[in-house]
Protein backbone atom coordinates (compact mmCIF):
# COMPACT_ATOMS: atom_id res chain seq x y z
CA MET A 1 9.89 125.23 193.09
CA ALA A 2 6.92 124.05 194.98
CA SER A 3 6.13 120.99 193.81
CA LYS A 4 9.90 119.78 193.91
CA GLY A 5 10.42 116.01 194.64
CA LYS A 6 6.39 115.20 194.03
CA THR A 7 5.31 113.14 191.08
CA ALA A 8 2.16 114.87 189.16
CA VAL A 9 -0.05 112.50 186.68
CA VAL A 10 -1.83 115.00 184.29
CA THR A 11 -4.26 113.56 181.57
CA GLY A 12 -4.59 114.85 178.61
CA GLY A 13 -1.08 116.46 178.95
CA GLY A 14 0.05 116.03 175.48
CA ARG A 15 -1.41 119.46 174.27
CA GLY A 16 -3.11 122.95 175.18
CA ILE A 17 -4.11 123.12 178.88
CA GLY A 18 -2.75 119.81 179.77
CA LEU A 19 0.64 120.47 178.22
CA ALA A 20 0.95 123.64 179.66
CA TYR A 21 0.27 122.30 183.34
CA CYS A 22 2.92 119.69 182.53
CA ARG A 23 5.51 122.40 181.47
CA ARG A 24 4.76 124.47 184.90
CA LEU A 25 5.19 121.15 187.24
CA ALA A 26 8.01 120.15 185.47
CA ALA A 27 9.76 123.85 185.96
CA ASP A 28 8.26 123.62 189.64
CA GLY A 29 10.60 120.37 190.05
CA ALA A 30 7.80 118.01 190.00
CA ASN A 31 8.30 114.35 188.08
CA VAL A 32 5.45 114.60 185.17
CA VAL A 33 3.61 111.39 183.90
CA VAL A 34 2.16 112.91 180.61
CA VAL A 35 -0.86 110.68 179.76
CA ASN A 36 -2.26 111.00 176.70
CA ARG A 37 -4.35 109.37 173.99
CA SER A 38 -1.41 109.14 171.30
CA ASP A 39 2.36 109.34 171.49
CA PRO A 40 3.10 112.19 173.81
CA ALA A 41 7.16 112.10 173.07
CA GLU A 42 7.04 115.36 171.38
CA SER A 43 5.03 116.91 174.33
CA LEU A 44 8.00 115.42 176.91
CA ALA A 45 10.80 116.97 174.99
CA GLU A 46 8.86 120.65 175.98
CA LEU A 47 9.61 119.88 179.44
CA SER A 48 12.26 121.25 181.28
CA GLY A 49 12.99 120.68 185.02
CA PRO A 50 15.20 119.08 187.68
CA GLY A 51 12.75 115.69 187.71
CA GLU A 52 12.13 112.97 185.93
CA ASN A 53 9.13 112.69 183.33
CA MET A 54 7.64 109.75 181.57
CA GLY A 55 4.86 109.54 178.86
CA LEU A 56 2.23 106.68 178.67
CA ILE A 57 -0.34 106.09 175.99
CA CYS A 58 -3.84 105.53 177.80
CA ASP A 59 -7.34 105.74 176.77
CA VAL A 60 -8.68 107.34 180.23
CA THR A 61 -12.26 105.65 179.44
CA GLN A 62 -10.68 102.12 179.88
CA PRO A 63 -10.59 100.82 183.22
CA ASP A 64 -7.84 98.60 182.60
CA GLN A 65 -5.75 100.87 180.41
CA VAL A 66 -5.75 103.36 183.56
CA GLU A 67 -5.08 100.78 185.90
CA ALA A 68 -1.98 99.84 183.65
CA VAL A 69 -0.84 103.66 184.09
CA ARG A 70 -1.20 103.32 188.08
CA ARG A 71 1.12 100.31 187.77
CA GLU A 72 3.98 101.96 185.54
CA VAL A 73 3.51 105.20 187.92
CA VAL A 74 3.97 103.30 190.83
CA GLU A 75 6.76 101.38 189.50
CA ARG A 76 8.96 104.17 188.43
CA PHE A 77 8.15 106.47 191.13
CA GLY A 78 6.22 105.29 194.35
CA ARG A 79 3.09 106.66 194.10
CA CYS A 80 1.38 109.64 192.64
CA ASP A 81 1.02 112.96 195.03
CA ILE A 82 -0.82 115.15 192.46
CA LEU A 83 -3.13 114.27 190.36
CA VAL A 84 -4.27 116.41 187.30
CA ASN A 85 -7.82 115.51 185.67
CA ASN A 86 -7.46 117.38 182.26
CA ALA A 87 -8.51 115.02 179.70
CA GLY A 88 -11.33 115.70 177.94
CA ILE A 89 -13.14 116.34 174.52
CA PHE A 90 -15.92 119.08 173.18
CA PRO A 91 -17.53 118.12 170.07
CA TYR A 92 -19.87 120.78 168.95
CA THR A 93 -23.71 118.75 169.68
CA ASN A 94 -27.14 120.03 170.19
CA LEU A 95 -29.87 117.74 170.81
CA ASP A 96 -31.21 117.59 167.31
CA ASN A 97 -27.72 116.25 165.98
CA THR A 98 -26.28 114.55 169.17
CA THR A 99 -26.05 110.38 169.43
CA ILE A 100 -26.25 108.20 172.31
CA GLU A 101 -22.75 107.24 171.43
CA VAL A 102 -21.15 110.73 171.13
CA TRP A 103 -23.10 111.69 174.03
CA ARG A 104 -21.28 108.45 176.08
CA ASN A 105 -18.39 108.87 175.02
CA VAL A 106 -18.30 112.93 176.00
CA GLN A 107 -19.24 111.89 179.91
CA ALA A 108 -17.37 108.55 179.86
CA THR A 109 -13.74 110.73 178.66
CA ASN A 110 -14.85 114.25 180.62
CA VAL A 111 -16.56 112.83 183.82
CA GLU A 112 -16.12 109.12 184.27
CA SER A 113 -12.28 109.30 183.65
CA ILE A 114 -12.20 111.19 186.96
CA VAL A 115 -13.67 108.44 188.52
CA LEU A 116 -11.54 106.01 187.39
CA PHE A 117 -7.92 107.77 188.12
CA ALA A 118 -9.19 108.65 191.92
CA MET A 119 -9.65 104.77 192.20
CA ALA A 120 -6.59 104.10 190.99
CA PHE A 121 -4.60 107.17 193.05
CA VAL A 122 -6.27 107.85 196.21
CA PRO A 123 -5.80 105.20 198.47
CA ALA A 124 -2.11 105.77 198.34
CA MET A 125 -3.15 109.62 199.02
CA LYS A 126 -4.56 108.95 202.03
CA GLU A 127 -2.11 106.58 203.32
CA ALA A 128 0.88 109.13 202.71
CA GLY A 129 -1.35 111.67 204.55
CA TRP A 130 -1.13 114.31 201.47
CA GLY A 131 -2.51 114.54 197.93
CA ARG A 132 -3.53 117.27 195.56
CA ILE A 133 -6.54 116.45 193.08
CA VAL A 134 -7.45 119.34 190.22
CA ASN A 135 -9.96 118.47 187.54
CA THR A 136 -10.74 120.91 184.45
CA GLY A 137 -13.82 122.33 184.43
CA SER A 138 -14.84 125.10 182.47
CA SER A 139 -16.23 128.59 183.07
CA ILE A 140 -18.92 128.24 179.94
CA VAL A 141 -20.82 126.02 181.74
CA LEU A 142 -22.36 129.29 183.46
CA THR A 143 -22.80 131.02 180.31
CA GLN A 144 -25.37 131.09 177.56
CA ALA A 145 -23.19 129.18 175.15
CA ARG A 146 -25.02 126.76 172.78
CA ASP A 147 -24.35 123.86 170.53
CA PHE A 148 -22.32 121.71 173.77
CA LEU A 149 -24.87 119.97 175.14
CA ALA A 150 -22.87 117.12 176.04
CA TYR A 151 -19.89 118.82 176.83
CA LEU A 152 -21.43 121.74 179.28
CA THR A 153 -23.98 118.77 181.38
CA SER A 154 -20.03 116.64 181.53
CA LYS A 155 -18.28 119.76 182.62
CA GLY A 156 -21.48 120.74 184.96
CA ALA A 157 -20.72 117.25 186.31
CA VAL A 158 -16.95 117.65 186.90
CA HIS A 159 -17.96 120.81 189.21
CA ALA A 160 -20.52 118.73 191.07
CA LEU A 161 -17.96 115.47 191.11
CA THR A 162 -14.95 117.79 192.73
CA ARG A 163 -17.00 119.05 195.29
CA ALA A 164 -18.45 115.30 196.10
CA LEU A 165 -14.57 114.06 196.52
CA ALA A 166 -13.59 117.08 198.31
CA ASN A 167 -16.13 115.90 200.74
CA GLU A 168 -14.95 112.32 201.01
CA LEU A 169 -11.46 113.25 201.38
CA GLY A 170 -11.99 115.89 204.04
CA GLY A 171 -9.37 115.15 206.91
CA THR A 172 -7.23 112.78 204.76
CA GLY A 173 -5.02 115.71 203.63
CA VAL A 174 -6.16 115.05 200.35
CA THR A 175 -7.53 117.92 198.38
CA VAL A 176 -9.66 118.12 195.57
CA ASN A 177 -10.32 121.58 193.49
CA ALA A 178 -10.83 122.31 189.92
CA LEU A 179 -10.27 124.91 187.63
CA ALA A 180 -12.92 126.56 184.99
CA PRO A 181 -11.30 128.25 182.44
CA SER A 182 -12.47 130.22 179.68
CA MET A 183 -12.33 129.69 176.19
CA ILE A 184 -8.63 129.30 175.14
CA ALA A 185 -7.64 129.02 171.53
CA THR A 186 -6.29 125.22 172.05
CA GLU A 187 -5.41 123.25 169.29
CA GLY A 188 -8.43 121.66 169.83
CA VAL A 189 -10.59 124.53 169.50
CA SER A 190 -9.21 126.04 166.69
CA ALA A 191 -9.51 122.50 165.01
CA LEU A 192 -13.64 122.95 165.69
CA GLY A 193 -15.96 123.26 162.62
CA ALA A 194 -18.64 125.41 162.24
CA SER A 195 -21.64 124.92 164.71
CA SER A 196 -25.21 125.02 163.79
CA ALA A 197 -25.19 128.79 164.14
CA GLY A 198 -21.80 128.91 161.59
CA ILE A 199 -19.43 129.90 164.49
CA SER A 200 -16.16 128.12 164.28
CA GLY A 201 -14.11 127.50 167.27
CA GLU A 202 -11.87 130.38 166.51
CA GLN A 203 -14.61 132.62 166.15
CA LEU A 204 -16.19 131.49 169.69
CA VAL A 205 -12.96 132.44 171.47
CA THR A 206 -13.25 136.19 169.75
CA PHE A 207 -16.72 136.16 171.06
CA VAL A 208 -16.04 134.72 174.81
CA THR A 209 -13.14 137.42 174.82
CA SER A 210 -15.57 140.02 174.58
CA LEU A 211 -17.60 139.28 177.36
CA GLN A 212 -14.64 138.91 179.65
CA THR A 213 -13.92 141.96 182.29
CA ILE A 214 -10.20 141.08 181.62
CA GLN A 215 -10.04 141.66 177.63
CA ARG A 216 -7.58 139.60 176.08
CA PRO A 217 -7.79 135.74 174.83
CA SER A 218 -7.15 133.35 177.67
CA VAL A 219 -3.64 131.44 177.13
CA PRO A 220 -3.14 128.00 178.88
CA GLU A 221 -0.35 129.82 181.45
CA ASP A 222 -3.10 131.40 182.58
CA VAL A 223 -4.31 128.22 183.96
CA SER A 224 -1.41 126.35 184.61
CA ASN A 225 -0.48 129.33 187.34
CA ALA A 226 -3.23 128.62 188.99
CA LEU A 227 -2.31 125.15 189.41
CA ALA A 228 0.68 125.76 190.75
CA PHE A 229 -0.92 127.78 193.65
CA LEU A 230 -3.86 124.74 194.37
CA VAL A 231 -0.92 121.92 194.06
CA SER A 232 0.94 123.50 196.55
CA ASP A 233 1.45 123.65 200.29
CA ASP A 234 0.29 126.97 200.23
CA ALA A 235 -3.27 125.87 199.47
CA ASP A 236 -3.43 123.14 202.22
CA PHE A 237 -7.29 124.72 203.50
CA ILE A 238 -8.65 125.20 199.89
CA THR A 239 -10.94 121.88 199.08
CA GLY A 240 -14.06 121.59 196.89
CA GLN A 241 -13.78 124.68 194.98
CA VAL A 242 -14.24 125.08 191.52
CA LEU A 243 -11.55 128.16 191.06
CA HIS A 244 -13.00 130.39 187.64
CA VAL A 245 -9.87 131.68 185.73
CA ASP A 246 -11.98 132.99 183.23
CA GLY A 247 -10.69 137.14 182.69
CA GLY A 248 -14.13 137.77 184.80
CA LEU A 249 -16.32 135.96 182.39
CA THR A 250 -18.58 134.79 184.83
CA ARG A 251 -18.37 137.90 187.57
CA THR A 252 -22.40 137.95 187.22
CA GLY A 253 -23.78 134.42 188.06
CA ALA A 254 -21.31 132.85 189.47
């Protein structure tokens, strides 16, 4: 159990990839803090492992709510050892239909929240001389996907932010990496309506899968398996990397 005794905070941990992260971390022995915009009680019930788990409701774009999460985590567990920044939204947007409000909300949720949570938890990680930060990026950034203007821009920023934080924290014992999944049929993707080209979320998953070397749809556990490695001591010499867990989708141009 590589994460036994560690405390992991996972944003957007209530469903999809985030919930898979939480399941794996709990199974590996971590105390898991499920941070979600809505009540994560049902998600908490799915976690099984020797550690203690806690659910917190938080709008990750609001600094005061992020600070409240920090206080709760410190009070319960002392500090956060593993920070998984997974909260994200992905509306269909192109230049014609993107409002500035939608644009700003995507950037605040997908990018700025990472900075807020890093500000909250990195100081204690540095003091302890050990920490793991893993951000959720996207392999779709390197494809010719359309109708995701705000989302693709935000995930490109996540990849850059990952490298920037890794540069800052080198030598402190804190590593920073990102996982870039393929298109996964999570609840959020399945709930997407039709894009401007008339493609639904499920159709998009089918299309992206057809471009992969490994011809099966990606599942959240593909990404959580990679997470388990990146937060372990075995990954102590790996930082500033974007690991594409995408079935070979980005085998060219990566």
